Amino acid sequence: MQTFNHLITTRPHEVRQVLISDLHLSPQEPALVQAFLALLDDCLALPTLKRLFILGDWFEVWLGDDFYLTLSEEQRQTHWLTPLIAKLKKLRIEGCEILVMHGNRDFLLGQPFCNLFGGELINEPYTLTVGQQRYRLEHGDALCTDDKKYQLFRKIMRNRLTQWYLLNKSLEKRLAIADNMRQKSQQNNVNKAAHIMDVNEAAVNKAIYSFDALLHGHTHRPEIHQSNEGKTRYVLGDWRLLEHDTRQLKVSAVIGAVVSDIDTDSDANDDNTEFDLFEFKRLI
């Protein structure tokens, strides 16, 4: 697998779209936040970048847009989200669309927050054309159908009435609810077999049936899977810290990129346009 750094330094004009997932950003993991800022710097250096996709679990937890929108200007100046918003806004001004999808951790993320940097909240599944192929994009948790308890929980949490109920609670109560749900989830996952928390083959076949390829995150198991029908399933990797005991932390992830060796703005259907996974690493 090539590195994304190699793409930046040797083929910057060929990178058209970048796709990431499962960053799980939070103020408790500043190295992950710094790595995301570094990726945005990379994106700003790509002269023909048209889209940045964030396919869910951008944040470790999201209590609602008012968590940030209700802050005073003075409070925002020192908030950990403010540098992210500023750099994303700069990227959008440069002409790159920023498309954000819900994950299982940040399903309360709303369009008002995305408006701060000119982003767009998109629903799953999302269809992306790469060359002559149609890719289905989704977060990936809906594919884990063997986990019956989680799928019931997901159905409840994605219900608009449930979300309305949660967003009308105080931030303090929402934080307590989120902490309680996270603890229960961790306890439940300890007793689950590994295959239960991975995608279900029948669910994958159903999802990819009318597409050429499927792209998702969620499972934290980056890989490229080929089916007997000649279809491809790409799994993005989660962002994680490596070498905890060293003075300089390293963050690693597997991300996706759409590349083309044709220097035009209308290359969506060109045969020379392709998708691949790349390793992204940063010393922080």
Protein backbone atom coordinates (compact mmCIF):
# COMPACT_ATOMS: atom_id res chain seq x y z
CA MET A 1 0.00 0.00 0.00
CA GLN A 2 1.37 3.39 -0.97
CA THR A 3 1.47 6.27 1.48
CA PHE A 4 -0.65 9.36 1.17
CA ASN A 5 2.52 11.40 1.78
CA HIS A 6 3.91 9.89 -1.42
CA LEU A 7 0.79 11.03 -3.28
CA ILE A 8 1.24 14.55 -1.95
CA THR A 9 4.88 14.83 -2.92
CA THR A 10 4.89 13.02 -6.28
CA ARG A 11 1.36 13.22 -7.73
CA PRO A 12 -0.40 16.24 -6.19
CA HIS A 13 -2.15 17.23 -9.43
CA GLU A 14 -3.75 13.79 -9.73
CA VAL A 15 -5.63 13.74 -6.41
CA ARG A 16 -9.26 14.67 -7.01
CA GLN A 17 -11.07 13.41 -3.91
CA VAL A 18 -10.08 12.27 -0.42
CA LEU A 19 -12.20 10.00 1.80
CA ILE A 20 -11.70 9.47 5.52
CA SER A 21 -13.64 7.86 8.37
CA ASP A 22 -13.51 7.03 12.07
CA LEU A 23 -11.28 9.84 13.30
CA HIS A 24 -12.98 9.84 16.72
CA LEU A 25 -11.71 13.34 17.47
CA SER A 26 -11.98 14.69 21.01
CA PRO A 27 -10.11 17.11 23.28
CA GLN A 28 -8.87 14.06 25.22
CA GLU A 29 -6.83 12.94 22.15
CA PRO A 30 -5.04 16.10 20.95
CA ALA A 31 -2.67 14.11 18.72
CA LEU A 32 -5.61 12.94 16.57
CA VAL A 33 -6.82 16.53 16.29
CA GLN A 34 -3.37 17.66 15.19
CA ALA A 35 -3.19 14.84 12.65
CA PHE A 36 -6.51 15.94 11.15
CA LEU A 37 -5.20 19.51 10.90
CA ALA A 38 -2.12 18.11 9.16
CA LEU A 39 -4.32 16.28 6.67
CA LEU A 40 -6.21 19.50 5.96
CA ASP A 41 -2.86 21.20 5.27
CA ASP A 42 -2.14 18.40 2.79
CA CYS A 43 -5.53 18.92 1.19
CA LEU A 44 -4.89 22.65 0.85
CA ALA A 45 -1.68 21.80 -1.02
CA LEU A 46 -3.53 19.66 -3.59
CA PRO A 47 -4.25 21.97 -6.56
CA THR A 48 -7.08 19.92 -8.12
CA LEU A 49 -8.81 18.52 -5.02
CA LYS A 50 -12.57 18.70 -5.53
CA ARG A 51 -14.06 16.85 -2.54
CA LEU A 52 -13.26 15.77 1.00
CA PHE A 53 -15.58 13.08 2.37
CA ILE A 54 -15.83 12.41 6.13
CA LEU A 55 -17.78 9.16 6.34
CA GLY A 56 -18.89 9.08 9.96
CA ASP A 57 -17.45 8.99 13.47
CA TRP A 58 -15.64 12.24 12.81
CA PHE A 59 -16.00 12.85 16.53
CA GLU A 60 -15.82 10.47 19.47
CA VAL A 61 -19.09 11.93 20.71
CA TRP A 62 -21.36 14.73 19.48
CA LEU A 63 -23.90 16.13 21.91
CA GLY A 64 -25.59 18.44 19.40
CA ASP A 65 -24.59 21.49 17.37
CA ASP A 66 -25.54 23.82 20.22
CA PHE A 67 -22.58 22.36 22.11
CA TYR A 68 -20.47 24.75 19.99
CA LEU A 69 -22.97 27.20 18.51
CA THR A 70 -24.06 28.54 21.90
CA LEU A 71 -20.50 29.48 22.89
CA SER A 72 -19.59 33.14 23.09
CA GLU A 73 -16.98 34.58 20.71
CA GLU A 74 -14.51 34.65 23.58
CA GLN A 75 -15.14 30.99 24.40
CA ARG A 76 -14.75 29.98 20.77
CA GLN A 77 -11.31 31.57 20.56
CA THR A 78 -9.85 28.90 22.84
CA HIS A 79 -12.08 25.98 21.88
CA TRP A 80 -10.42 22.94 20.29
CA LEU A 81 -12.93 22.89 17.41
CA THR A 82 -12.22 26.43 16.23
CA PRO A 83 -8.92 25.68 14.38
CA LEU A 84 -10.63 22.77 12.60
CA ILE A 85 -13.50 24.99 11.46
CA ALA A 86 -11.11 27.72 10.28
CA LYS A 87 -9.02 25.32 8.20
CA LEU A 88 -12.07 23.56 6.75
CA LYS A 89 -13.52 26.93 5.79
CA LYS A 90 -10.26 27.83 4.04
CA LEU A 91 -10.39 24.53 2.15
CA ARG A 92 -13.98 25.23 1.07
CA ILE A 93 -13.04 28.72 -0.14
CA GLU A 94 -10.31 27.10 -2.24
CA GLY A 95 -13.06 25.19 -4.07
CA CYS A 96 -13.11 21.84 -2.30
CA GLU A 97 -16.53 20.49 -1.28
CA ILE A 98 -16.68 19.04 2.25
CA LEU A 99 -19.25 16.25 2.56
CA VAL A 100 -19.99 14.84 6.01
CA MET A 101 -21.86 11.64 6.86
CA HIS A 102 -23.21 10.52 10.23
CA GLY A 103 -21.53 7.71 12.14
CA ASN A 104 -22.68 5.79 15.19
CA ARG A 105 -20.80 8.20 17.47
CA ASP A 106 -21.88 11.53 15.96
CA PHE A 107 -25.44 10.92 14.76
CA LEU A 108 -26.57 14.21 16.35
CA LEU A 109 -24.30 16.23 14.06
CA GLY A 110 -26.38 18.76 12.14
CA GLN A 111 -26.23 21.01 9.11
CA PRO A 112 -25.98 24.21 11.26
CA PHE A 113 -22.51 23.13 12.45
CA CYS A 114 -21.47 22.21 8.90
CA ASN A 115 -22.61 25.65 7.75
CA LEU A 116 -19.78 27.16 9.80
CA PHE A 117 -17.26 25.94 7.21
CA GLY A 118 -19.50 25.56 4.16
CA GLY A 119 -19.86 21.80 4.50
CA GLU A 120 -22.79 19.61 3.52
CA LEU A 121 -24.33 16.84 5.60
CA ILE A 122 -25.05 13.86 3.33
CA ASN A 123 -27.23 10.80 3.87
CA GLU A 124 -26.18 7.20 3.44
CA PRO A 125 -25.98 5.49 1.08
CA TYR A 126 -24.26 8.05 -1.13
CA THR A 127 -23.42 7.28 -4.75
CA LEU A 128 -19.99 8.33 -6.01
CA THR A 129 -18.95 7.92 -9.64
CA VAL A 130 -15.31 6.93 -10.13
CA GLY A 131 -14.36 6.58 -13.77
CA GLN A 132 -17.03 4.33 -15.27
CA GLN A 133 -17.93 2.74 -11.92
CA ARG A 134 -20.56 3.51 -9.30
CA TYR A 135 -19.40 3.38 -5.68
CA ARG A 136 -21.77 3.08 -2.73
CA LEU A 137 -20.53 5.05 0.29
CA GLU A 138 -21.80 4.50 3.83
CA HIS A 139 -20.49 4.54 7.37
CA GLY A 140 -20.69 0.77 7.72
CA ASP A 141 -22.56 0.11 10.96
CA ALA A 142 -25.77 -0.78 9.10
CA LEU A 143 -23.88 -3.68 7.50
CA CYS A 144 -23.15 -5.33 10.87
CA THR A 145 -26.52 -7.08 10.97
CA ASP A 146 -25.32 -10.01 13.12
CA ASP A 147 -25.25 -7.61 16.06
CA LYS A 148 -29.00 -7.61 16.68
CA LYS A 149 -28.84 -5.52 19.85
CA TYR A 150 -26.83 -2.80 18.16
CA GLN A 151 -29.13 -2.68 15.13
CA LEU A 152 -32.12 -2.13 17.44
CA PHE A 153 -30.19 0.60 19.26
CA ARG A 154 -29.25 2.17 15.91
CA LYS A 155 -32.85 2.18 14.75
CA ILE A 156 -33.94 3.94 17.94
CA MET A 157 -31.12 6.51 17.89
CA ARG A 158 -31.62 7.39 14.21
CA ASN A 159 -35.32 8.05 14.82
CA ARG A 160 -36.09 11.78 14.54
CA LEU A 161 -38.33 11.68 17.61
CA THR A 162 -35.51 10.19 19.70
CA GLN A 163 -33.10 12.83 18.45
CA TRP A 164 -35.61 15.61 19.14
CA TYR A 165 -35.98 14.25 22.68
CA LEU A 166 -32.23 14.17 23.25
CA LEU A 167 -31.59 17.62 21.79
CA ASN A 168 -34.19 19.12 24.10
CA LYS A 169 -32.30 17.87 27.14
CA SER A 170 -29.68 20.10 28.74
CA LEU A 171 -26.07 19.64 27.63
CA GLU A 172 -25.23 18.24 31.07
CA LYS A 173 -27.95 15.59 30.80
CA ARG A 174 -26.91 14.72 27.24
CA LEU A 175 -23.33 14.28 28.41
CA ALA A 176 -24.48 11.93 31.19
CA ILE A 177 -26.59 9.94 28.72
CA ALA A 178 -23.67 9.68 26.29
CA ASP A 179 -21.29 8.51 29.02
CA ASN A 180 -23.79 5.89 30.14
CA MET A 181 -24.34 4.62 26.59
CA ARG A 182 -20.58 4.46 25.94
CA GLN A 183 -19.98 2.44 29.13
CA LYS A 184 -22.75 0.00 28.27
CA SER A 185 -21.43 -0.34 24.72
CA GLN A 186 -17.92 -1.12 25.97
CA GLN A 187 -19.28 -3.72 28.40
CA ASN A 188 -21.41 -5.37 25.71
CA ASN A 189 -18.58 -5.46 23.18
CA VAL A 190 -16.30 -7.33 25.59
CA ASN A 191 -18.62 -10.33 25.46
CA LYS A 192 -19.28 -10.25 21.71
CA ALA A 193 -17.53 -12.53 19.26
CA ALA A 194 -15.32 -10.64 16.80
CA HIS A 195 -17.36 -11.68 13.75
CA ILE A 196 -20.54 -10.22 15.24
CA MET A 197 -19.02 -6.73 15.17
CA ASP A 198 -17.91 -7.13 11.54
CA VAL A 199 -20.08 -6.81 8.44
CA ASN A 200 -22.52 -9.52 7.44
CA GLU A 201 -21.84 -11.08 4.03
CA ALA A 202 -25.50 -11.11 3.00
CA ALA A 203 -25.87 -7.45 4.01
CA VAL A 204 -22.80 -6.57 1.94
CA ASN A 205 -24.09 -8.47 -1.10
CA LYS A 206 -27.44 -6.68 -0.83
CA ALA A 207 -25.77 -3.27 -0.47
CA ILE A 208 -23.39 -3.73 -3.39
CA TYR A 209 -25.89 -5.46 -5.70
CA SER A 210 -26.58 -2.49 -7.99
CA PHE A 211 -23.11 -0.93 -7.57
CA ASP A 212 -19.62 -1.74 -8.77
CA ALA A 213 -17.95 -1.14 -5.41
CA LEU A 214 -18.74 -0.50 -1.75
CA LEU A 215 -16.76 1.82 0.51
CA HIS A 216 -17.24 2.09 4.27
CA GLY A 217 -15.54 2.48 7.63
CA HIS A 218 -16.82 1.68 11.14
CA THR A 219 -15.23 -1.76 11.63
CA HIS A 220 -11.67 -0.44 12.10
CA ARG A 221 -10.48 -3.28 9.85
CA PRO A 222 -9.00 -1.58 6.75
CA GLU A 223 -8.80 -3.92 3.79
CA ILE A 224 -9.68 -4.40 0.13
CA HIS A 225 -12.06 -7.32 -0.42
CA GLN A 226 -12.80 -8.84 -3.83
CA SER A 227 -16.02 -10.77 -4.48
CA ASN A 228 -16.55 -13.68 -6.86
CA GLU A 229 -18.68 -11.34 -8.99
CA GLY A 230 -15.72 -9.02 -9.55
CA LYS A 231 -16.94 -6.34 -7.16
CA THR A 232 -14.75 -4.61 -4.60
CA ARG A 233 -15.37 -3.64 -0.97
CA TYR A 234 -13.00 -1.03 0.42
CA VAL A 235 -12.78 -0.57 4.19
CA LEU A 236 -11.29 2.67 5.49
CA GLY A 237 -9.20 2.55 8.65
CA ASP A 238 -9.72 4.30 11.95
CA TRP A 239 -7.27 6.95 13.12
CA ARG A 240 -5.06 5.62 15.88
CA LEU A 241 -2.02 6.52 17.95
CA LEU A 242 1.16 4.48 17.52
CA GLU A 243 4.32 4.33 19.63
CA HIS A 244 2.78 5.70 22.82
CA ASP A 245 6.04 5.43 24.75
CA THR A 246 8.08 7.71 22.51
CA ARG A 247 8.49 11.44 22.91
CA GLN A 248 6.92 12.08 19.51
CA LEU A 249 3.53 10.48 18.85
CA LYS A 250 2.66 8.99 15.51
CA VAL A 251 -0.88 8.86 14.13
CA SER A 252 -1.80 6.33 11.47
CA ALA A 253 -4.89 5.70 9.33
CA VAL A 254 -5.90 4.15 6.03
CA ILE A 255 -7.73 6.65 3.83
CA GLY A 256 -9.18 6.63 0.33
CA ALA A 257 -8.31 8.79 -2.65
CA VAL A 258 -9.70 9.25 -6.14
CA VAL A 259 -6.85 9.96 -8.53
CA SER A 260 -6.66 10.77 -12.22
CA ASP A 261 -3.74 11.39 -14.53
CA ILE A 262 -5.94 13.59 -16.73
CA ASP A 263 -5.52 17.26 -15.81
CA THR A 264 -9.12 18.39 -16.33
CA ASP A 265 -11.98 19.43 -14.10
CA SER A 266 -14.45 17.05 -15.75
CA ASP A 267 -12.75 13.70 -15.19
CA ALA A 268 -15.58 11.96 -13.29
CA ASN A 269 -16.29 9.52 -16.12
CA ASP A 270 -12.79 9.19 -17.51
CA ASP A 271 -11.26 5.71 -17.75
CA ASN A 272 -8.03 7.04 -16.20
CA THR A 273 -9.81 7.91 -12.95
CA GLU A 274 -9.49 5.33 -10.19
CA PHE A 275 -9.88 4.80 -6.45
CA ASP A 276 -7.43 3.25 -4.02
CA LEU A 277 -6.57 3.06 -0.32
CA PHE A 278 -3.47 4.80 1.01
CA GLU A 279 -1.68 4.79 4.33
CA PHE A 280 -1.70 8.15 6.13
CA LYS A 281 0.90 8.66 8.89
CA ARG A 282 1.90 11.75 10.80
CA LEU A 283 4.42 12.42 13.55
CA ILE A 284 2.81 14.79 16.05
